Amino acid sequence: MKHELWLEPDGCQTFCLAGIHGDDARNLLSANSQLIWTIEADSCFEAMTKYYSFMESGEYRTDFREHDQMSYAELGWDK
């Protein structure tokens, strides 16, 4: 699934799913927010790993690895 990284005018960021699964997150963005990066990922874990790499934030770690590594298809989400 496609993911988007948005930059708000105050420097805050929002990393969310594109399309209908990210509508609620994008509705919270300021009017002048800018889409600065997009990626494709098959799971939350893959998306966050790519985000951490993009941000040069080290290795992504989670307490919910088993769940986060489930593919979006396994979770029943449409692309």
PDB file of N, CA and C in Angstrom:
ATOM      1  N   MET A   1       0.844  -1.173   0.000  1.00  0.00           N
ATOM      2  CA  MET A   1       0.000   0.000   0.000  1.00  0.00           C
ATOM      3  C   MET A   1       0.890   1.237   0.000  1.00  0.00           C
ATOM      4  N   LYS A   2       0.359   2.292  -0.548  1.00  0.00           N
ATOM      5  CA  LYS A   2       1.094   3.544  -0.616  1.00  0.00           C
ATOM      6  C   LYS A   2       0.977   4.288   0.716  1.00  0.00           C
ATOM      7  N   HIS A   3       2.098   4.879   1.144  1.00  0.00           N
ATOM      8  CA  HIS A   3       2.171   5.681   2.360  1.00  0.00           C
ATOM      9  C   HIS A   3       2.681   7.068   1.993  1.00  0.00           C
ATOM     10  N   GLU A   4       2.302   8.058   2.779  1.00  0.00           N
ATOM     11  CA  GLU A   4       2.676   9.446   2.504  1.00  0.00           C
ATOM     12  C   GLU A   4       3.295  10.084   3.743  1.00  0.00           C
ATOM     13  N   LEU A   5       4.286  10.928   3.514  1.00  0.00           N
ATOM     14  CA  LEU A   5       4.868  11.734   4.582  1.00  0.00           C
ATOM     15  C   LEU A   5       4.543  13.190   4.281  1.00  0.00           C
ATOM     16  N   TRP A   6       3.863  13.814   5.221  1.00  0.00           N
ATOM     17  CA  TRP A   6       3.440  15.202   5.083  1.00  0.00           C
ATOM     18  C   TRP A   6       4.226  16.078   6.046  1.00  0.00           C
ATOM     19  N   LEU A   7       4.613  17.271   5.593  1.00  0.00           N
ATOM     20  CA  LEU A   7       5.296  18.254   6.425  1.00  0.00           C
ATOM     21  C   LEU A   7       4.364  19.438   6.632  1.00  0.00           C
ATOM     22  N   GLU A   8       4.126  19.756   7.903  1.00  0.00           N
ATOM     23  CA  GLU A   8       3.258  20.882   8.230  1.00  0.00           C
ATOM     24  C   GLU A   8       4.087  22.165   8.354  1.00  0.00           C
ATOM     25  N   PRO A   9       3.444  23.325   8.224  1.00  0.00           N
ATOM     26  CA  PRO A   9       4.167  24.595   8.280  1.00  0.00           C
ATOM     27  C   PRO A   9       4.991  24.783   9.554  1.00  0.00           C
ATOM     28  N   ASP A  10       4.574  24.167  10.665  1.00  0.00           N
ATOM     29  CA  ASP A  10       5.313  24.321  11.928  1.00  0.00           C
ATOM     30  C   ASP A  10       6.448  23.310  12.067  1.00  0.00           C
ATOM     31  N   GLY A  11       6.688  22.483  11.020  1.00  0.00           N
ATOM     32  CA  GLY A  11       7.763  21.515  11.040  1.00  0.00           C
ATOM     33  C   GLY A  11       7.347  20.128  11.505  1.00  0.00           C
ATOM     34  N   CYS A  12       6.134  19.984  12.014  1.00  0.00           N
ATOM     35  CA  CYS A  12       5.643  18.673  12.423  1.00  0.00           C
ATOM     36  C   CYS A  12       5.400  17.808  11.189  1.00  0.00           C
ATOM     37  N   GLN A  13       5.423  16.492  11.383  1.00  0.00           N
ATOM     38  CA  GLN A  13       5.227  15.565  10.285  1.00  0.00           C
ATOM     39  C   GLN A  13       4.067  14.627  10.576  1.00  0.00           C
ATOM     40  N   THR A  14       3.458  14.152   9.508  1.00  0.00           N
ATOM     41  CA  THR A  14       2.449  13.101   9.592  1.00  0.00           C
ATOM     42  C   THR A  14       2.803  12.053   8.561  1.00  0.00           C
ATOM     43  N   PHE A  15       2.972  10.797   9.005  1.00  0.00           N
ATOM     44  CA  PHE A  15       3.244   9.668   8.123  1.00  0.00           C
ATOM     45  C   PHE A  15       2.020   8.769   8.177  1.00  0.00           C
ATOM     46  N   CYS A  16       1.355   8.610   7.046  1.00  0.00           N
ATOM     47  CA  CYS A  16       0.081   7.887   7.048  1.00  0.00           C
ATOM     48  C   CYS A  16      -0.104   7.133   5.739  1.00  0.00           C
ATOM     49  N   LEU A  17      -1.127   6.304   5.731  1.00  0.00           N
ATOM     50  CA  LEU A  17      -1.499   5.612   4.501  1.00  0.00           C
ATOM     51  C   LEU A  17      -2.110   6.593   3.508  1.00  0.00           C
ATOM     52  N   ALA A  18      -1.888   6.341   2.246  1.00  0.00           N
ATOM     53  CA  ALA A  18      -2.556   7.106   1.198  1.00  0.00           C
ATOM     54  C   ALA A  18      -3.981   6.567   1.060  1.00  0.00           C
ATOM     55  N   GLY A  19      -4.796   7.238   0.304  1.00  0.00           N
ATOM     56  CA  GLY A  19      -6.148   6.760   0.040  1.00  0.00           C
ATOM     57  C   GLY A  19      -7.056   6.825   1.252  1.00  0.00           C
ATOM     58  N   ILE A  20      -8.121   6.038   1.204  1.00  0.00           N
ATOM     59  CA  ILE A  20      -9.158   6.141   2.229  1.00  0.00           C
ATOM     60  C   ILE A  20      -8.663   5.767   3.618  1.00  0.00           C
ATOM     61  N   HIS A  21      -7.661   4.886   3.713  1.00  0.00           N
ATOM     62  CA  HIS A  21      -7.161   4.483   5.022  1.00  0.00           C
ATOM     63  C   HIS A  21      -6.406   5.611   5.725  1.00  0.00           C
ATOM     64  N   GLY A  22      -5.997   6.636   5.007  1.00  0.00           N
ATOM     65  CA  GLY A  22      -5.291   7.767   5.601  1.00  0.00           C
ATOM     66  C   GLY A  22      -6.119   9.035   5.669  1.00  0.00           C
ATOM     67  N   ASP A  23      -7.380   8.968   5.257  1.00  0.00           N
ATOM     68  CA  ASP A  23      -8.225  10.164   5.227  1.00  0.00           C
ATOM     69  C   ASP A  23      -8.316  10.857   6.585  1.00  0.00           C
ATOM     70  N   ASP A  24      -8.530  10.102   7.657  1.00  0.00           N
ATOM     71  CA  ASP A  24      -8.671  10.721   8.982  1.00  0.00           C
ATOM     72  C   ASP A  24      -7.405  11.465   9.381  1.00  0.00           C
ATOM     73  N   ALA A  25      -6.237  10.883   9.114  1.00  0.00           N
ATOM     74  CA  ALA A  25      -4.970  11.546   9.455  1.00  0.00           C
ATOM     75  C   ALA A  25      -4.783  12.813   8.621  1.00  0.00           C
ATOM     76  N   ARG A  26      -5.039  12.727   7.323  1.00  0.00           N
ATOM     77  CA  ARG A  26      -4.861  13.900   6.458  1.00  0.00           C
ATOM     78  C   ARG A  26      -5.852  15.007   6.795  1.00  0.00           C
ATOM     79  N   ASN A  27      -7.037  14.658   7.292  1.00  0.00           N
ATOM     80  CA  ASN A  27      -8.019  15.677   7.666  1.00  0.00           C
ATOM     81  C   ASN A  27      -7.540  16.544   8.826  1.00  0.00           C
ATOM     82  N   LEU A  28      -6.550  16.077   9.565  1.00  0.00           N
ATOM     83  CA  LEU A  28      -5.998  16.844  10.686  1.00  0.00           C
ATOM     84  C   LEU A  28      -4.868  17.780  10.270  1.00  0.00           C
ATOM     85  N   LEU A  29      -4.410  17.671   9.018  1.00  0.00           N
ATOM     86  CA  LEU A  29      -3.288  18.482   8.544  1.00  0.00           C
ATOM     87  C   LEU A  29      -3.693  19.941   8.340  1.00  0.00           C
ATOM     88  N   SER A  30      -2.735  20.826   8.542  1.00  0.00           N
ATOM     89  CA  SER A  30      -2.937  22.246   8.244  1.00  0.00           C
ATOM     90  C   SER A  30      -3.113  22.430   6.744  1.00  0.00           C
ATOM     91  N   ALA A  31      -3.766  23.505   6.368  1.00  0.00           N
ATOM     92  CA  ALA A  31      -4.054  23.771   4.954  1.00  0.00           C
ATOM     93  C   ALA A  31      -2.788  23.863   4.103  1.00  0.00           C
ATOM     94  N   ASN A  32      -1.693  24.360   4.655  1.00  0.00           N
ATOM     95  CA  ASN A  32      -0.463  24.562   3.884  1.00  0.00           C
ATOM     96  C   ASN A  32       0.525  23.411   4.015  1.00  0.00           C
ATOM     97  N   SER A  33       0.078  22.248   4.472  1.00  0.00           N
ATOM     98  CA  SER A  33       0.966  21.093   4.589  1.00  0.00           C
ATOM     99  C   SER A  33       1.385  20.618   3.206  1.00  0.00           C
ATOM    100  N   GLN A  34       2.589  20.042   3.136  1.00  0.00           N
ATOM    101  CA  GLN A  34       3.126  19.600   1.853  1.00  0.00           C
ATOM    102  C   GLN A  34       3.454  18.114   1.900  1.00  0.00           C
ATOM    103  N   LEU A  35       3.085  17.412   0.855  1.00  0.00           N
ATOM    104  CA  LEU A  35       3.455  16.022   0.680  1.00  0.00           C
ATOM    105  C   LEU A  35       4.919  16.001   0.257  1.00  0.00           C
ATOM    106  N   ILE A  36       5.792  15.370   1.075  1.00  0.00           N
ATOM    107  CA  ILE A  36       7.224  15.422   0.772  1.00  0.00           C
ATOM    108  C   ILE A  36       7.831  14.083   0.380  1.00  0.00           C
ATOM    109  N   TRP A  37       7.083  12.956   0.603  1.00  0.00           N
ATOM    110  CA  TRP A  37       7.672  11.647   0.305  1.00  0.00           C
ATOM    111  C   TRP A  37       6.569  10.611   0.242  1.00  0.00           C
ATOM    112  N   THR A  38       6.674   9.659  -0.671  1.00  0.00           N
ATOM    113  CA  THR A  38       5.737   8.536  -0.735  1.00  0.00           C
ATOM    114  C   THR A  38       6.530   7.246  -0.908  1.00  0.00           C
ATOM    115  N   ILE A  39       5.977   6.157  -0.376  1.00  0.00           N
ATOM    116  CA  ILE A  39       6.583   4.836  -0.526  1.00  0.00           C
ATOM    117  C   ILE A  39       5.483   3.792  -0.627  1.00  0.00           C
ATOM    118  N   GLU A  40       5.853   2.632  -1.123  1.00  0.00           N
ATOM    119  CA  GLU A  40       4.978   1.459  -1.130  1.00  0.00           C
ATOM    120  C   GLU A  40       5.498   0.489  -0.081  1.00  0.00           C
ATOM    121  N   ALA A  41       4.602  -0.109   0.685  1.00  0.00           N
ATOM    122  CA  ALA A  41       4.974  -1.111   1.677  1.00  0.00           C
ATOM    123  C   ALA A  41       3.817  -2.091   1.848  1.00  0.00           C
ATOM    124  N   ASP A  42       4.158  -3.329   2.148  1.00  0.00           N
ATOM    125  CA  ASP A  42       3.136  -4.365   2.310  1.00  0.00           C
ATOM    126  C   ASP A  42       2.690  -4.555   3.750  1.00  0.00           C
ATOM    127  N   SER A  43       3.369  -3.871   4.697  1.00  0.00           N
ATOM    128  CA  SER A  43       3.002  -3.990   6.112  1.00  0.00           C
ATOM    129  C   SER A  43       3.397  -2.716   6.849  1.00  0.00           C
ATOM    130  N   CYS A  44       2.847  -2.555   8.024  1.00  0.00           N
ATOM    131  CA  CYS A  44       3.213  -1.422   8.867  1.00  0.00           C
ATOM    132  C   CYS A  44       4.710  -1.472   9.179  1.00  0.00           C
ATOM    133  N   PHE A  45       5.229  -2.662   9.488  1.00  0.00           N
ATOM    134  CA  PHE A  45       6.636  -2.811   9.822  1.00  0.00           C
ATOM    135  C   PHE A  45       7.529  -2.371   8.663  1.00  0.00           C
ATOM    136  N   GLU A  46       7.185  -2.798   7.465  1.00  0.00           N
ATOM    137  CA  GLU A  46       7.968  -2.399   6.291  1.00  0.00           C
ATOM    138  C   GLU A  46       7.914  -0.891   6.090  1.00  0.00           C
ATOM    139  N   ALA A  47       6.739  -0.303   6.234  1.00  0.00           N
ATOM    140  CA  ALA A  47       6.589   1.142   6.059  1.00  0.00           C
ATOM    141  C   ALA A  47       7.422   1.905   7.086  1.00  0.00           C
ATOM    142  N   MET A  48       7.338   1.492   8.342  1.00  0.00           N
ATOM    143  CA  MET A  48       8.074   2.197   9.394  1.00  0.00           C
ATOM    144  C   MET A  48       9.579   1.997   9.254  1.00  0.00           C
ATOM    145  N   THR A  49      10.006   0.819   8.788  1.00  0.00           N
ATOM    146  CA  THR A  49      11.430   0.582   8.550  1.00  0.00           C
ATOM    147  C   THR A  49      11.947   1.532   7.470  1.00  0.00           C
ATOM    148  N   LYS A  50      11.177   1.693   6.402  1.00  0.00           N
ATOM    149  CA  LYS A  50      11.569   2.617   5.333  1.00  0.00           C
ATOM    150  C   LYS A  50      11.549   4.061   5.822  1.00  0.00           C
ATOM    151  N   TYR A  51      10.556   4.421   6.632  1.00  0.00           N
ATOM    152  CA  TYR A  51      10.472   5.774   7.189  1.00  0.00           C
ATOM    153  C   TYR A  51      11.685   6.073   8.068  1.00  0.00           C
ATOM    154  N   TYR A  52      12.031   5.155   8.954  1.00  0.00           N
ATOM    155  CA  TYR A  52      13.192   5.358   9.819  1.00  0.00           C
ATOM    156  C   TYR A  52      14.463   5.528   8.992  1.00  0.00           C
ATOM    157  N   SER A  53      14.597   4.745   7.922  1.00  0.00           N
ATOM    158  CA  SER A  53      15.752   4.877   7.047  1.00  0.00           C
ATOM    159  C   SER A  53      15.766   6.247   6.363  1.00  0.00           C
ATOM    160  N   PHE A  54      14.627   6.662   5.846  1.00  0.00           N
ATOM    161  CA  PHE A  54      14.508   7.963   5.185  1.00  0.00           C
ATOM    162  C   PHE A  54      14.877   9.095   6.147  1.00  0.00           C
ATOM    163  N   MET A  55      14.434   8.968   7.400  1.00  0.00           N
ATOM    164  CA  MET A  55      14.691  10.012   8.398  1.00  0.00           C
ATOM    165  C   MET A  55      16.067   9.858   9.056  1.00  0.00           C
ATOM    166  N   GLU A  56      16.793   8.808   8.693  1.00  0.00           N
ATOM    167  CA  GLU A  56      18.096   8.501   9.294  1.00  0.00           C
ATOM    168  C   GLU A  56      17.979   8.419  10.812  1.00  0.00           C
ATOM    169  N   SER A  57      16.955   7.665  11.269  1.00  0.00           N
ATOM    170  CA  SER A  57      16.644   7.554  12.694  1.00  0.00           C
ATOM    171  C   SER A  57      17.059   6.213  13.288  1.00  0.00           C
ATOM    172  N   GLY A  58      17.910   5.481  12.615  1.00  0.00           N
ATOM    173  CA  GLY A  58      18.328   4.188  13.134  1.00  0.00           C
ATOM    174  C   GLY A  58      17.364   3.088  12.747  1.00  0.00           C
ATOM    175  N   GLU A  59      17.377   2.031  13.530  1.00  0.00           N
ATOM    176  CA  GLU A  59      16.554   0.854  13.246  1.00  0.00           C
ATOM    177  C   GLU A  59      15.177   0.987  13.894  1.00  0.00           C
ATOM    178  N   TYR A  60      14.133   0.702  13.118  1.00  0.00           N
ATOM    179  CA  TYR A  60      12.775   0.720  13.662  1.00  0.00           C
ATOM    180  C   TYR A  60      12.582  -0.491  14.558  1.00  0.00           C
ATOM    181  N   ARG A  61      12.059  -0.268  15.740  1.00  0.00           N
ATOM    182  CA  ARG A  61      11.754  -1.338  16.690  1.00  0.00           C
ATOM    183  C   ARG A  61      10.320  -1.189  17.158  1.00  0.00           C
ATOM    184  N   THR A  62       9.688  -2.319  17.463  1.00  0.00           N
ATOM    185  CA  THR A  62       8.310  -2.304  17.925  1.00  0.00           C
ATOM    186  C   THR A  62       8.098  -3.405  18.952  1.00  0.00           C
ATOM    187  N   ASP A  63       7.214  -3.159  19.883  1.00  0.00           N
ATOM    188  CA  ASP A  63       6.821  -4.183  20.850  1.00  0.00           C
ATOM    189  C   ASP A  63       5.776  -5.124  20.261  1.00  0.00           C
ATOM    190  N   PHE A  64       5.281  -4.796  19.084  1.00  0.00           N
ATOM    191  CA  PHE A  64       4.215  -5.569  18.433  1.00  0.00           C
ATOM    192  C   PHE A  64       4.690  -6.122  17.096  1.00  0.00           C
ATOM    193  N   ARG A  65       5.907  -6.613  17.050  1.00  0.00           N
ATOM    194  CA  ARG A  65       6.540  -7.050  15.802  1.00  0.00           C
ATOM    195  C   ARG A  65       5.691  -8.058  15.037  1.00  0.00           C
ATOM    196  N   GLU A  66       5.158  -9.052  15.734  1.00  0.00           N
ATOM    197  CA  GLU A  66       4.370 -10.089  15.066  1.00  0.00           C
ATOM    198  C   GLU A  66       3.168  -9.483  14.344  1.00  0.00           C
ATOM    199  N   HIS A  67       2.459  -8.586  15.001  1.00  0.00           N
ATOM    200  CA  HIS A  67       1.300  -7.934  14.377  1.00  0.00           C
ATOM    201  C   HIS A  67       1.737  -6.955  13.296  1.00  0.00           C
ATOM    202  N   ASP A  68       2.750  -6.142  13.594  1.00  0.00           N
ATOM    203  CA  ASP A  68       3.200  -5.127  12.635  1.00  0.00           C
ATOM    204  C   ASP A  68       3.749  -5.732  11.353  1.00  0.00           C
ATOM    205  N   GLN A  69       4.239  -6.982  11.419  1.00  0.00           N
ATOM    206  CA  GLN A  69       4.782  -7.617  10.226  1.00  0.00           C
ATOM    207  C   GLN A  69       3.711  -8.325   9.402  1.00  0.00           C
ATOM    208  N   MET A  70       2.487  -8.377   9.910  1.00  0.00           N
ATOM    209  CA  MET A  70       1.399  -8.943   9.100  1.00  0.00           C
ATOM    210  C   MET A  70       1.163  -8.024   7.912  1.00  0.00           C
ATOM    211  N   SER A  71       0.983  -8.629   6.747  1.00  0.00           N
ATOM    212  CA  SER A  71       0.737  -7.811   5.558  1.00  0.00           C
ATOM    213  C   SER A  71      -0.648  -7.168   5.655  1.00  0.00           C
ATOM    214  N   TYR A  72      -0.790  -6.082   4.929  1.00  0.00           N
ATOM    215  CA  TYR A  72      -2.089  -5.425   4.891  1.00  0.00           C
ATOM    216  C   TYR A  72      -3.153  -6.377   4.324  1.00  0.00           C
ATOM    217  N   ALA A  73      -2.741  -7.236   3.373  1.00  0.00           N
ATOM    218  CA  ALA A  73      -3.677  -8.229   2.827  1.00  0.00           C
ATOM    219  C   ALA A  73      -4.145  -9.195   3.911  1.00  0.00           C
ATOM    220  N   GLU A  74      -3.206  -9.634   4.765  1.00  0.00           N
ATOM    221  CA  GLU A  74      -3.573 -10.528   5.875  1.00  0.00           C
ATOM    222  C   GLU A  74      -4.533  -9.861   6.837  1.00  0.00           C
ATOM    223  N   LEU A  75      -4.438  -8.546   6.955  1.00  0.00           N
ATOM    224  CA  LEU A  75      -5.320  -7.781   7.835  1.00  0.00           C
ATOM    225  C   LEU A  75      -6.669  -7.459   7.179  1.00  0.00           C
ATOM    226  N   GLY A  76      -6.790  -7.805   5.880  1.00  0.00           N
ATOM    227  CA  GLY A  76      -8.056  -7.590   5.189  1.00  0.00           C
ATOM    228  C   GLY A  76      -8.242  -6.202   4.609  1.00  0.00           C
ATOM    229  N   TRP A  77      -7.126  -5.471   4.453  1.00  0.00           N
ATOM    230  CA  TRP A  77      -7.208  -4.128   3.897  1.00  0.00           C
ATOM    231  C   TRP A  77      -7.041  -4.191   2.386  1.00  0.00           C
ATOM    232  N   ASP A  78      -7.890  -3.488   1.677  1.00  0.00           N
ATOM    233  CA  ASP A  78      -7.761  -3.385   0.213  1.00  0.00           C
ATOM    234  C   ASP A  78      -6.699  -2.358  -0.128  1.00  0.00           C
ATOM    235  N   LYS A  79      -6.108  -2.532  -1.288  1.00  0.00           N
ATOM    236  CA  LYS A  79      -5.115  -1.547  -1.749  1.00  0.00           C
ATOM    237  C   LYS A  79      -5.769  -0.340  -2.325  1.00  0.00           C
TER     238      LYS A  79
END
